[in-house]
């Protein structure tokens, strides 16, 4: 489990390290091009079972804090799904990593 500190107020967003590594890759790609986008996720039931969203833009400070020390191998299919979401009007929807079927294509899970 890691966390993102978002904005000048340092709002904390806790995420699994693996999810966060994929999100960081998409964020860095979008921000290098000067593009902003929404990131949406479902809240933990312990905080009300709602959902949250943040606007990620070049002028908003972000800090990624990983608690694990292992290098995370990125899943190309998941990156593509996340990037398509980030490019959409609804924004990137954080979710479970898609599983792979026999030919390397996503076979389930949500983005």
PDB file of N, CA and C in Angstrom:
ATOM      1  N   UNK A   1       0.840  -1.175   0.000  1.00  0.00           N
ATOM      2  CA  UNK A   1       0.000   0.000   0.000  1.00  0.00           C
ATOM      3  C   UNK A   1       0.885   1.238   0.000  1.00  0.00           C
ATOM      4  N   UNK A   2       0.547   2.186  -0.824  1.00  0.00           N
ATOM      5  CA  UNK A   2       1.283   3.437  -0.870  1.00  0.00           C
ATOM      6  C   UNK A   2       0.298   4.589  -0.825  1.00  0.00           C
ATOM      7  N   UNK A   3       0.794   5.786  -1.046  1.00  0.00           N
ATOM      8  CA  UNK A   3      -0.116   6.920  -1.063  1.00  0.00           C
ATOM      9  C   UNK A   3       0.387   7.988  -2.015  1.00  0.00           C
ATOM     10  N   UNK A   4      -0.568   8.733  -2.506  1.00  0.00           N
ATOM     11  CA  UNK A   4      -0.297   9.911  -3.318  1.00  0.00           C
ATOM     12  C   UNK A   4      -0.681  11.107  -2.471  1.00  0.00           C
ATOM     13  N   UNK A   5       0.204  12.077  -2.387  1.00  0.00           N
ATOM     14  CA  UNK A   5      -0.131  13.357  -1.763  1.00  0.00           C
ATOM     15  C   UNK A   5      -0.496  14.295  -2.902  1.00  0.00           C
ATOM     16  N   UNK A   6      -1.721  14.775  -2.880  1.00  0.00           N
ATOM     17  CA  UNK A   6      -2.276  15.525  -4.004  1.00  0.00           C
ATOM     18  C   UNK A   6      -2.517  16.976  -3.622  1.00  0.00           C
ATOM     19  N   UNK A   7      -2.073  17.871  -4.475  1.00  0.00           N
ATOM     20  CA  UNK A   7      -2.355  19.285  -4.312  1.00  0.00           C
ATOM     21  C   UNK A   7      -1.533  19.942  -3.218  1.00  0.00           C
ATOM     22  N   UNK A   8      -1.685  21.247  -3.110  1.00  0.00           N
ATOM     23  CA  UNK A   8      -0.905  21.999  -2.130  1.00  0.00           C
ATOM     24  C   UNK A   8      -1.323  21.685  -0.699  1.00  0.00           C
ATOM     25  N   UNK A   9      -2.550  21.178  -0.506  1.00  0.00           N
ATOM     26  CA  UNK A   9      -3.000  20.797   0.834  1.00  0.00           C
ATOM     27  C   UNK A   9      -2.497  19.415   1.225  1.00  0.00           C
ATOM     28  N   UNK A  10      -1.927  18.673   0.279  1.00  0.00           N
ATOM     29  CA  UNK A  10      -1.393  17.344   0.572  1.00  0.00           C
ATOM     30  C   UNK A  10      -2.465  16.308   0.876  1.00  0.00           C
ATOM     31  N   UNK A  11      -3.598  16.382   0.180  1.00  0.00           N
ATOM     32  CA  UNK A  11      -4.657  15.387   0.350  1.00  0.00           C
ATOM     33  C   UNK A  11      -4.077  14.007   0.074  1.00  0.00           C
ATOM     34  N   UNK A  12      -4.305  13.066   0.996  1.00  0.00           N
ATOM     35  CA  UNK A  12      -3.750  11.722   0.867  1.00  0.00           C
ATOM     36  C   UNK A  12      -4.726  10.788   0.165  1.00  0.00           C
ATOM     37  N   UNK A  13      -4.204  10.086  -0.832  1.00  0.00           N
ATOM     38  CA  UNK A  13      -4.964   9.064  -1.543  1.00  0.00           C
ATOM     39  C   UNK A  13      -4.179   7.774  -1.402  1.00  0.00           C
ATOM     40  N   UNK A  14      -4.728   6.786  -0.674  1.00  0.00           N
ATOM     41  CA  UNK A  14      -4.033   5.517  -0.464  1.00  0.00           C
ATOM     42  C   UNK A  14      -4.383   4.543  -1.577  1.00  0.00           C
ATOM     43  N   UNK A  15      -3.342   3.935  -2.140  1.00  0.00           N
ATOM     44  CA  UNK A  15      -3.503   2.976  -3.227  1.00  0.00           C
ATOM     45  C   UNK A  15      -2.502   1.842  -3.059  1.00  0.00           C
ATOM     46  N   UNK A  16      -2.843   0.708  -3.623  1.00  0.00           N
ATOM     47  CA  UNK A  16      -1.909  -0.401  -3.709  1.00  0.00           C
ATOM     48  C   UNK A  16      -0.708   0.048  -4.538  1.00  0.00           C
ATOM     49  N   UNK A  17       0.497  -0.370  -4.157  1.00  0.00           N
ATOM     50  CA  UNK A  17       1.709   0.027  -4.886  1.00  0.00           C
ATOM     51  C   UNK A  17       1.624  -0.310  -6.373  1.00  0.00           C
ATOM     52  N   UNK A  18       1.058  -1.464  -6.703  1.00  0.00           N
ATOM     53  CA  UNK A  18       0.975  -1.885  -8.108  1.00  0.00           C
ATOM     54  C   UNK A  18       0.047  -0.957  -8.897  1.00  0.00           C
ATOM     55  N   UNK A  19      -1.086  -0.623  -8.336  1.00  0.00           N
ATOM     56  CA  UNK A  19      -2.011   0.313  -8.976  1.00  0.00           C
ATOM     57  C   UNK A  19      -1.328   1.665  -9.141  1.00  0.00           C
ATOM     58  N   UNK A  20      -0.644   2.095  -8.087  1.00  0.00           N
ATOM     59  CA  UNK A  20       0.001   3.403  -8.101  1.00  0.00           C
ATOM     60  C   UNK A  20       1.107   3.481  -9.155  1.00  0.00           C
ATOM     61  N   UNK A  21       1.864   2.417  -9.331  1.00  0.00           N
ATOM     62  CA  UNK A  21       2.937   2.418 -10.337  1.00  0.00           C
ATOM     63  C   UNK A  21       2.359   2.595 -11.746  1.00  0.00           C
ATOM     64  N   UNK A  22       1.244   1.928 -12.015  1.00  0.00           N
ATOM     65  CA  UNK A  22       0.604   2.071 -13.325  1.00  0.00           C
ATOM     66  C   UNK A  22       0.030   3.476 -13.479  1.00  0.00           C
ATOM     67  N   UNK A  23      -0.591   3.984 -12.434  1.00  0.00           N
ATOM     68  CA  UNK A  23      -1.128   5.342 -12.482  1.00  0.00           C
ATOM     69  C   UNK A  23      -0.012   6.353 -12.702  1.00  0.00           C
ATOM     70  N   UNK A  24       1.112   6.186 -12.026  1.00  0.00           N
ATOM     71  CA  UNK A  24       2.237   7.109 -12.186  1.00  0.00           C
ATOM     72  C   UNK A  24       2.723   7.125 -13.634  1.00  0.00           C
ATOM     73  N   UNK A  25       2.762   5.966 -14.280  1.00  0.00           N
ATOM     74  CA  UNK A  25       3.205   5.907 -15.676  1.00  0.00           C
ATOM     75  C   UNK A  25       2.250   6.680 -16.587  1.00  0.00           C
ATOM     76  N   UNK A  26       0.949   6.538 -16.360  1.00  0.00           N
ATOM     77  CA  UNK A  26      -0.037   7.256 -17.169  1.00  0.00           C
ATOM     78  C   UNK A  26       0.026   8.758 -16.869  1.00  0.00           C
ATOM     79  N   UNK A  27       0.118   9.112 -15.598  1.00  0.00           N
ATOM     80  CA  UNK A  27       0.197  10.522 -15.201  1.00  0.00           C
ATOM     81  C   UNK A  27       1.408  11.184 -15.842  1.00  0.00           C
ATOM     82  N   UNK A  28       2.558  10.536 -15.772  1.00  0.00           N
ATOM     83  CA  UNK A  28       3.766  11.163 -16.325  1.00  0.00           C
ATOM     84  C   UNK A  28       3.649  11.365 -17.827  1.00  0.00           C
ATOM     85  N   UNK A  29       3.047  10.409 -18.514  1.00  0.00           N
ATOM     86  CA  UNK A  29       2.870  10.530 -19.963  1.00  0.00           C
ATOM     87  C   UNK A  29       1.936  11.693 -20.305  1.00  0.00           C
ATOM     88  N   UNK A  30       0.817  11.792 -19.592  1.00  0.00           N
ATOM     89  CA  UNK A  30      -0.148  12.863 -19.862  1.00  0.00           C
ATOM     90  C   UNK A  30       0.428  14.234 -19.507  1.00  0.00           C
ATOM     91  N   UNK A  31       1.105  14.327 -18.371  1.00  0.00           N
ATOM     92  CA  UNK A  31       1.608  15.635 -17.942  1.00  0.00           C
ATOM     93  C   UNK A  31       2.765  16.118 -18.811  1.00  0.00           C
ATOM     94  N   UNK A  32       3.551  15.188 -19.340  1.00  0.00           N
ATOM     95  CA  UNK A  32       4.613  15.594 -20.273  1.00  0.00           C
ATOM     96  C   UNK A  32       4.047  16.306 -21.485  1.00  0.00           C
ATOM     97  N   UNK A  33       2.821  15.950 -21.856  1.00  0.00           N
ATOM     98  CA  UNK A  33       2.155  16.590 -22.994  1.00  0.00           C
ATOM     99  C   UNK A  33       1.310  17.790 -22.565  1.00  0.00           C
ATOM    100  N   UNK A  34       1.329  18.110 -21.260  1.00  0.00           N
ATOM    101  CA  UNK A  34       0.576  19.248 -20.758  1.00  0.00           C
ATOM    102  C   UNK A  34      -0.921  19.000 -20.659  1.00  0.00           C
ATOM    103  N   UNK A  35      -1.329  17.736 -20.599  1.00  0.00           N
ATOM    104  CA  UNK A  35      -2.744  17.376 -20.580  1.00  0.00           C
ATOM    105  C   UNK A  35      -3.230  17.066 -19.170  1.00  0.00           C
ATOM    106  N   UNK A  36      -4.354  17.630 -18.799  1.00  0.00           N
ATOM    107  CA  UNK A  36      -4.998  17.317 -17.535  1.00  0.00           C
ATOM    108  C   UNK A  36      -6.084  16.276 -17.741  1.00  0.00           C
ATOM    109  N   UNK A  37      -6.492  15.606 -16.660  1.00  0.00           N
ATOM    110  CA  UNK A  37      -7.539  14.583 -16.738  1.00  0.00           C
ATOM    111  C   UNK A  37      -8.017  14.241 -15.336  1.00  0.00           C
ATOM    112  N   UNK A  38      -9.179  13.617 -15.252  1.00  0.00           N
ATOM    113  CA  UNK A  38      -9.718  13.146 -13.972  1.00  0.00           C
ATOM    114  C   UNK A  38      -9.256  11.728 -13.691  1.00  0.00           C
ATOM    115  N   UNK A  39      -9.032  11.449 -12.411  1.00  0.00           N
ATOM    116  CA  UNK A  39      -8.823  10.086 -11.915  1.00  0.00           C
ATOM    117  C   UNK A  39      -9.961   9.817 -10.940  1.00  0.00           C
ATOM    118  N   UNK A  40     -10.696   8.741 -11.173  1.00  0.00           N
ATOM    119  CA  UNK A  40     -11.859   8.369 -10.365  1.00  0.00           C
ATOM    120  C   UNK A  40     -11.623   7.022  -9.707  1.00  0.00           C
ATOM    121  N   UNK A  41     -12.143   6.857  -8.487  1.00  0.00           N
ATOM    122  CA  UNK A  41     -12.053   5.559  -7.821  1.00  0.00           C
ATOM    123  C   UNK A  41     -13.204   5.404  -6.851  1.00  0.00           C
ATOM    124  N   UNK A  42     -13.468   4.165  -6.514  1.00  0.00           N
ATOM    125  CA  UNK A  42     -14.488   3.817  -5.533  1.00  0.00           C
ATOM    126  C   UNK A  42     -13.847   3.886  -4.151  1.00  0.00           C
ATOM    127  N   UNK A  43     -14.507   4.571  -3.219  1.00  0.00           N
ATOM    128  CA  UNK A  43     -13.986   4.688  -1.856  1.00  0.00           C
ATOM    129  C   UNK A  43     -14.127   3.366  -1.108  1.00  0.00           C
ATOM    130  N   UNK A  44     -13.273   3.189  -0.137  1.00  0.00           N
ATOM    131  CA  UNK A  44     -13.354   2.031   0.742  1.00  0.00           C
ATOM    132  C   UNK A  44     -14.653   2.121   1.552  1.00  0.00           C
ATOM    133  N   UNK A  45     -15.317   0.989   1.765  1.00  0.00           N
ATOM    134  CA  UNK A  45     -16.555   1.024   2.559  1.00  0.00           C
ATOM    135  C   UNK A  45     -16.387   1.662   3.944  1.00  0.00           C
ATOM    136  N   UNK A  46     -15.179   1.620   4.492  1.00  0.00           N
ATOM    137  CA  UNK A  46     -14.951   2.208   5.820  1.00  0.00           C
ATOM    138  C   UNK A  46     -15.103   3.733   5.833  1.00  0.00           C
ATOM    139  N   UNK A  47     -15.062   4.360   4.656  1.00  0.00           N
ATOM    140  CA  UNK A  47     -15.230   5.818   4.583  1.00  0.00           C
ATOM    141  C   UNK A  47     -16.520   6.204   3.867  1.00  0.00           C
ATOM    142  N   UNK A  48     -17.465   5.260   3.787  1.00  0.00           N
ATOM    143  CA  UNK A  48     -18.778   5.608   3.272  1.00  0.00           C
ATOM    144  C   UNK A  48     -19.185   4.945   1.971  1.00  0.00           C
ATOM    145  N   UNK A  49     -18.311   4.173   1.356  1.00  0.00           N
ATOM    146  CA  UNK A  49     -18.645   3.426   0.139  1.00  0.00           C
ATOM    147  C   UNK A  49     -19.104   4.309  -1.018  1.00  0.00           C
ATOM    148  N   UNK A  50     -18.591   5.526  -1.087  1.00  0.00           N
ATOM    149  CA  UNK A  50     -18.903   6.410  -2.202  1.00  0.00           C
ATOM    150  C   UNK A  50     -17.824   6.315  -3.269  1.00  0.00           C
ATOM    151  N   UNK A  51     -17.615   7.409  -3.945  1.00  0.00           N
ATOM    152  CA  UNK A  51     -16.526   7.475  -4.915  1.00  0.00           C
ATOM    153  C   UNK A  51     -15.890   8.852  -4.845  1.00  0.00           C
ATOM    154  N   UNK A  52     -14.677   8.939  -5.345  1.00  0.00           N
ATOM    155  CA  UNK A  52     -13.914  10.184  -5.322  1.00  0.00           C
ATOM    156  C   UNK A  52     -13.268  10.409  -6.674  1.00  0.00           C
ATOM    157  N   UNK A  53     -12.881  11.638  -6.919  1.00  0.00           N
ATOM    158  CA  UNK A  53     -12.188  11.993  -8.159  1.00  0.00           C
ATOM    159  C   UNK A  53     -11.238  13.149  -7.866  1.00  0.00           C
ATOM    160  N   UNK A  54     -10.127  13.168  -8.575  1.00  0.00           N
ATOM    161  CA  UNK A  54      -9.201  14.294  -8.519  1.00  0.00           C
ATOM    162  C   UNK A  54      -8.885  14.732  -9.944  1.00  0.00           C
ATOM    163  N   UNK A  55      -8.615  16.008 -10.113  1.00  0.00           N
ATOM    164  CA  UNK A  55      -8.189  16.560 -11.389  1.00  0.00           C
ATOM    165  C   UNK A  55      -6.667  16.587 -11.377  1.00  0.00           C
ATOM    166  N   UNK A  56      -6.053  15.881 -12.291  1.00  0.00           N
ATOM    167  CA  UNK A  56      -4.591  15.839 -12.400  1.00  0.00           C
ATOM    168  C   UNK A  56      -4.201  16.764 -13.543  1.00  0.00           C
ATOM    169  N   UNK A  57      -3.358  17.738 -13.234  1.00  0.00           N
ATOM    170  CA  UNK A  57      -2.937  18.726 -14.221  1.00  0.00           C
ATOM    171  C   UNK A  57      -1.499  19.140 -13.932  1.00  0.00           C
ATOM    172  N   UNK A  58      -0.822  19.715 -14.929  1.00  0.00           N
ATOM    173  CA  UNK A  58       0.585  20.093 -14.742  1.00  0.00           C
ATOM    174  C   UNK A  58       0.832  21.042 -13.574  1.00  0.00           C
ATOM    175  N   UNK A  59      -0.142  21.856 -13.200  1.00  0.00           N
ATOM    176  CA  UNK A  59       0.063  22.828 -12.129  1.00  0.00           C
ATOM    177  C   UNK A  59      -0.337  22.311 -10.747  1.00  0.00           C
ATOM    178  N   UNK A  60      -0.713  21.031 -10.635  1.00  0.00           N
ATOM    179  CA  UNK A  60      -1.126  20.457  -9.351  1.00  0.00           C
ATOM    180  C   UNK A  60      -0.009  19.557  -8.829  1.00  0.00           C
ATOM    181  N   UNK A  61       0.537  19.854  -7.641  1.00  0.00           N
ATOM    182  CA  UNK A  61       1.627  19.021  -7.113  1.00  0.00           C
ATOM    183  C   UNK A  61       1.158  17.612  -6.759  1.00  0.00           C
ATOM    184  N   UNK A  62       1.976  16.620  -7.119  1.00  0.00           N
ATOM    185  CA  UNK A  62       1.728  15.210  -6.807  1.00  0.00           C
ATOM    186  C   UNK A  62       2.994  14.604  -6.230  1.00  0.00           C
ATOM    187  N   UNK A  63       2.822  13.773  -5.221  1.00  0.00           N
ATOM    188  CA  UNK A  63       3.942  13.049  -4.634  1.00  0.00           C
ATOM    189  C   UNK A  63       3.509  11.601  -4.470  1.00  0.00           C
ATOM    190  N   UNK A  64       4.260  10.674  -5.068  1.00  0.00           N
ATOM    191  CA  UNK A  64       3.964   9.246  -4.981  1.00  0.00           C
ATOM    192  C   UNK A  64       4.876   8.625  -3.931  1.00  0.00           C
ATOM    193  N   UNK A  65       4.297   8.041  -2.892  1.00  0.00           N
ATOM    194  CA  UNK A  65       5.065   7.393  -1.822  1.00  0.00           C
ATOM    195  C   UNK A  65       4.744   5.894  -1.822  1.00  0.00           C
ATOM    196  N   UNK A  66       5.749   5.091  -2.188  1.00  0.00           N
ATOM    197  CA  UNK A  66       5.600   3.637  -2.216  1.00  0.00           C
ATOM    198  C   UNK A  66       6.109   3.064  -0.899  1.00  0.00           C
ATOM    199  N   UNK A  67       5.379   2.111  -0.342  1.00  0.00           N
ATOM    200  CA  UNK A  67       5.824   1.469   0.893  1.00  0.00           C
ATOM    201  C   UNK A  67       6.634   0.222   0.608  1.00  0.00           C
ATOM    202  N   UNK A  68       6.426  -0.387  -0.554  1.00  0.00           N
ATOM    203  CA  UNK A  68       7.228  -1.543  -0.936  1.00  0.00           C
ATOM    204  C   UNK A  68       8.516  -1.096  -1.598  1.00  0.00           C
ATOM    205  N   UNK A  69       9.541  -1.953  -1.552  1.00  0.00           N
ATOM    206  CA  UNK A  69      10.839  -1.589  -2.122  1.00  0.00           C
ATOM    207  C   UNK A  69      11.106  -2.281  -3.462  1.00  0.00           C
ATOM    208  N   UNK A  70      10.247  -3.224  -3.852  1.00  0.00           N
ATOM    209  CA  UNK A  70      10.476  -3.970  -5.093  1.00  0.00           C
ATOM    210  C   UNK A  70      10.100  -3.134  -6.313  1.00  0.00           C
ATOM    211  N   UNK A  71      10.870  -3.294  -7.388  1.00  0.00           N
ATOM    212  CA  UNK A  71      10.544  -2.671  -8.670  1.00  0.00           C
ATOM    213  C   UNK A  71       9.302  -3.367  -9.226  1.00  0.00           C
ATOM    214  N   UNK A  72       8.348  -2.615  -9.715  1.00  0.00           N
ATOM    215  CA  UNK A  72       7.082  -3.167 -10.195  1.00  0.00           C
ATOM    216  C   UNK A  72       7.119  -3.263 -11.713  1.00  0.00           C
ATOM    217  N   UNK A  73       6.888  -4.480 -12.221  1.00  0.00           N
ATOM    218  CA  UNK A  73       6.804  -4.687 -13.664  1.00  0.00           C
ATOM    219  C   UNK A  73       5.425  -4.242 -14.134  1.00  0.00           C
ATOM    220  N   UNK A  74       5.396  -3.386 -15.148  1.00  0.00           N
ATOM    221  CA  UNK A  74       4.132  -2.825 -15.606  1.00  0.00           C
ATOM    222  C   UNK A  74       3.460  -3.729 -16.629  1.00  0.00           C
ATOM    223  N   UNK A  75       2.137  -3.774 -16.565  1.00  0.00           N
ATOM    224  CA  UNK A  75       1.300  -4.547 -17.470  1.00  0.00           C
ATOM    225  C   UNK A  75       0.868  -3.625 -18.611  1.00  0.00           C
ATOM    226  N   UNK A  76       1.354  -3.893 -19.803  1.00  0.00           N
ATOM    227  CA  UNK A  76       1.096  -3.026 -20.962  1.00  0.00           C
ATOM    228  C   UNK A  76      -0.402  -2.884 -21.255  1.00  0.00           C
ATOM    229  N   UNK A  77      -1.150  -3.989 -21.152  1.00  0.00           N
ATOM    230  CA  UNK A  77      -2.586  -3.921 -21.429  1.00  0.00           C
ATOM    231  C   UNK A  77      -3.298  -3.000 -20.440  1.00  0.00           C
ATOM    232  N   UNK A  78      -2.908  -3.095 -19.174  1.00  0.00           N
ATOM    233  CA  UNK A  78      -3.519  -2.235 -18.162  1.00  0.00           C
ATOM    234  C   UNK A  78      -3.178  -0.772 -18.413  1.00  0.00           C
ATOM    235  N   UNK A  79      -1.931  -0.500 -18.799  1.00  0.00           N
ATOM    236  CA  UNK A  79      -1.537   0.874 -19.125  1.00  0.00           C
ATOM    237  C   UNK A  79      -2.378   1.418 -20.278  1.00  0.00           C
ATOM    238  N   UNK A  80      -2.620   0.579 -21.284  1.00  0.00           N
ATOM    239  CA  UNK A  80      -3.426   1.015 -22.422  1.00  0.00           C
ATOM    240  C   UNK A  80      -4.859   1.322 -21.999  1.00  0.00           C
ATOM    241  N   UNK A  81      -5.434   0.478 -21.154  1.00  0.00           N
ATOM    242  CA  UNK A  81      -6.794   0.696 -20.652  1.00  0.00           C
ATOM    243  C   UNK A  81      -6.855   1.987 -19.839  1.00  0.00           C
ATOM    244  N   UNK A  82      -5.877   2.177 -18.968  1.00  0.00           N
ATOM    245  CA  UNK A  82      -5.856   3.380 -18.133  1.00  0.00           C
ATOM    246  C   UNK A  82      -5.666   4.632 -18.982  1.00  0.00           C
ATOM    247  N   UNK A  83      -4.809   4.556 -19.994  1.00  0.00           N
ATOM    248  CA  UNK A  83      -4.565   5.707 -20.868  1.00  0.00           C
ATOM    249  C   UNK A  83      -5.816   6.053 -21.658  1.00  0.00           C
ATOM    250  N   UNK A  84      -6.526   5.041 -22.161  1.00  0.00           N
ATOM    251  CA  UNK A  84      -7.782   5.309 -22.879  1.00  0.00           C
ATOM    252  C   UNK A  84      -8.779   6.009 -21.961  1.00  0.00           C
ATOM    253  N   UNK A  85      -8.847   5.566 -20.705  1.00  0.00           N
ATOM    254  CA  UNK A  85      -9.733   6.232 -19.745  1.00  0.00           C
ATOM    255  C   UNK A  85      -9.325   7.666 -19.502  1.00  0.00           C
ATOM    256  N   UNK A  86      -8.032   7.895 -19.328  1.00  0.00           N
ATOM    257  CA  UNK A  86      -7.530   9.248 -19.086  1.00  0.00           C
ATOM    258  C   UNK A  86      -7.822  10.161 -20.270  1.00  0.00           C
ATOM    259  N   UNK A  87      -7.895   9.599 -21.463  1.00  0.00           N
ATOM    260  CA  UNK A  87      -8.174  10.374 -22.664  1.00  0.00           C
ATOM    261  C   UNK A  87      -9.671  10.598 -22.888  1.00  0.00           C
ATOM    262  N   UNK A  88     -10.518   9.971 -22.087  1.00  0.00           N
ATOM    263  CA  UNK A  88     -11.966  10.063 -22.275  1.00  0.00           C
ATOM    264  C   UNK A  88     -12.558  11.212 -21.451  1.00  0.00           C
ATOM    265  N   UNK A  89     -13.799  11.575 -21.760  1.00  0.00           N
ATOM    266  CA  UNK A  89     -14.489  12.628 -21.003  1.00  0.00           C
ATOM    267  C   UNK A  89     -14.726  12.230 -19.557  1.00  0.00           C
ATOM    268  N   UNK A  90     -14.944  10.954 -19.287  1.00  0.00           N
ATOM    269  CA  UNK A  90     -15.210  10.487 -17.933  1.00  0.00           C
ATOM    270  C   UNK A  90     -13.974  10.368 -17.073  1.00  0.00           C
ATOM    271  N   UNK A  91     -12.819  10.309 -17.686  1.00  0.00           N
ATOM    272  CA  UNK A  91     -11.573  10.188 -16.949  1.00  0.00           C
ATOM    273  C   UNK A  91     -11.177   8.750 -16.681  1.00  0.00           C
ATOM    274  N   UNK A  92     -10.024   8.595 -16.082  1.00  0.00           N
ATOM    275  CA  UNK A  92      -9.454   7.290 -15.757  1.00  0.00           C
ATOM    276  C   UNK A  92     -10.192   6.713 -14.552  1.00  0.00           C
ATOM    277  N   UNK A  93     -10.709   5.510 -14.677  1.00  0.00           N
ATOM    278  CA  UNK A  93     -11.391   4.810 -13.582  1.00  0.00           C
ATOM    279  C   UNK A  93     -10.417   3.798 -12.993  1.00  0.00           C
ATOM    280  N   UNK A  94      -9.986   4.014 -11.750  1.00  0.00           N
ATOM    281  CA  UNK A  94      -9.105   3.047 -11.108  1.00  0.00           C
ATOM    282  C   UNK A  94      -9.909   1.816 -10.733  1.00  0.00           C
ATOM    283  N   UNK A  95      -9.315   0.662 -10.934  1.00  0.00           N
ATOM    284  CA  UNK A  95      -9.970  -0.590 -10.590  1.00  0.00           C
ATOM    285  C   UNK A  95      -8.954  -1.708 -10.564  1.00  0.00           C
ATOM    286  N   UNK A  96      -9.450  -2.900 -10.696  1.00  0.00           N
ATOM    287  CA  UNK A  96      -8.592  -4.073 -10.652  1.00  0.00           C
ATOM    288  C   UNK A  96      -7.825  -4.244 -11.950  1.00  0.00           C
ATOM    289  N   UNK A  97      -6.660  -4.816 -11.833  1.00  0.00           N
ATOM    290  CA  UNK A  97      -5.841  -5.132 -12.994  1.00  0.00           C
ATOM    291  C   UNK A  97      -6.525  -6.228 -13.798  1.00  0.00           C
ATOM    292  N   UNK A  98      -6.616  -6.047 -15.124  1.00  0.00           N
ATOM    293  CA  UNK A  98      -7.254  -7.099 -15.927  1.00  0.00           C
ATOM    294  C   UNK A  98      -6.379  -8.349 -15.945  1.00  0.00           C
ATOM    295  N   UNK A  99      -7.023  -9.504 -15.895  1.00  0.00           N
ATOM    296  CA  UNK A  99      -6.279 -10.757 -16.036  1.00  0.00           C
ATOM    297  C   UNK A  99      -6.058 -10.990 -17.523  1.00  0.00           C
ATOM    298  N   UNK A 100      -5.095 -11.820 -17.839  1.00  0.00           N
ATOM    299  CA  UNK A 100      -4.762 -12.093 -19.234  1.00  0.00           C
ATOM    300  C   UNK A 100      -5.275 -13.457 -19.630  1.00  0.00           C
ATOM    301  N   UNK A 101      -5.846 -13.552 -20.852  1.00  0.00           N
ATOM    302  CA  UNK A 101      -6.223 -14.864 -21.356  1.00  0.00           C
ATOM    303  C   UNK A 101      -5.023 -15.469 -22.076  1.00  0.00           C
ATOM    304  N   UNK A 102      -5.191 -16.580 -22.698  1.00  0.00           N
ATOM    305  CA  UNK A 102      -4.079 -17.288 -23.315  1.00  0.00           C
ATOM    306  C   UNK A 102      -3.337 -16.536 -24.386  1.00  0.00           C
ATOM    307  N   UNK A 103      -4.001 -15.584 -25.077  1.00  0.00           N
ATOM    308  CA  UNK A 103      -3.298 -14.869 -26.152  1.00  0.00           C
ATOM    309  C   UNK A 103      -2.844 -13.479 -25.744  1.00  0.00           C
ATOM    310  N   UNK A 104      -2.774 -13.223 -24.428  1.00  0.00           N
ATOM    311  CA  UNK A 104      -2.218 -11.964 -23.950  1.00  0.00           C
ATOM    312  C   UNK A 104      -3.179 -10.804 -23.910  1.00  0.00           C
ATOM    313  N   UNK A 105      -4.458 -11.062 -24.190  1.00  0.00           N
ATOM    314  CA  UNK A 105      -5.444  -9.984 -24.167  1.00  0.00           C
ATOM    315  C   UNK A 105      -6.166  -9.983 -22.826  1.00  0.00           C
ATOM    316  N   UNK A 106      -6.623  -8.810 -22.384  1.00  0.00           N
ATOM    317  CA  UNK A 106      -7.371  -8.753 -21.129  1.00  0.00           C
ATOM    318  C   UNK A 106      -8.622  -9.626 -21.239  1.00  0.00           C
ATOM    319  N   UNK A 107      -8.924 -10.356 -20.165  1.00  0.00           N
ATOM    320  CA  UNK A 107     -10.092 -11.232 -20.200  1.00  0.00           C
ATOM    321  C   UNK A 107     -11.083 -10.922 -19.100  1.00  0.00           C
ATOM    322  N   UNK A 108     -10.815  -9.922 -18.295  1.00  0.00           N
ATOM    323  CA  UNK A 108     -11.759  -9.602 -17.230  1.00  0.00           C
ATOM    324  C   UNK A 108     -11.233  -8.490 -16.382  1.00  0.00           C
ATOM    325  N   UNK A 109     -11.907  -8.255 -15.271  1.00  0.00           N
ATOM    326  CA  UNK A 109     -11.507  -7.161 -14.392  1.00  0.00           C
ATOM    327  C   UNK A 109     -12.051  -5.860 -14.895  1.00  0.00           C
ATOM    328  N   UNK A 110     -11.864  -4.823 -14.118  1.00  0.00           N
ATOM    329  CA  UNK A 110     -12.322  -3.505 -14.521  1.00  0.00           C
ATOM    330  C   UNK A 110     -11.139  -2.573 -14.545  1.00  0.00           C
ATOM    331  N   UNK A 111     -11.279  -1.485 -15.291  1.00  0.00           N
ATOM    332  CA  UNK A 111     -10.188  -0.529 -15.347  1.00  0.00           C
ATOM    333  C   UNK A 111     -10.372   0.412 -14.243  1.00  0.00           C
TER     334      UNK A 111
END
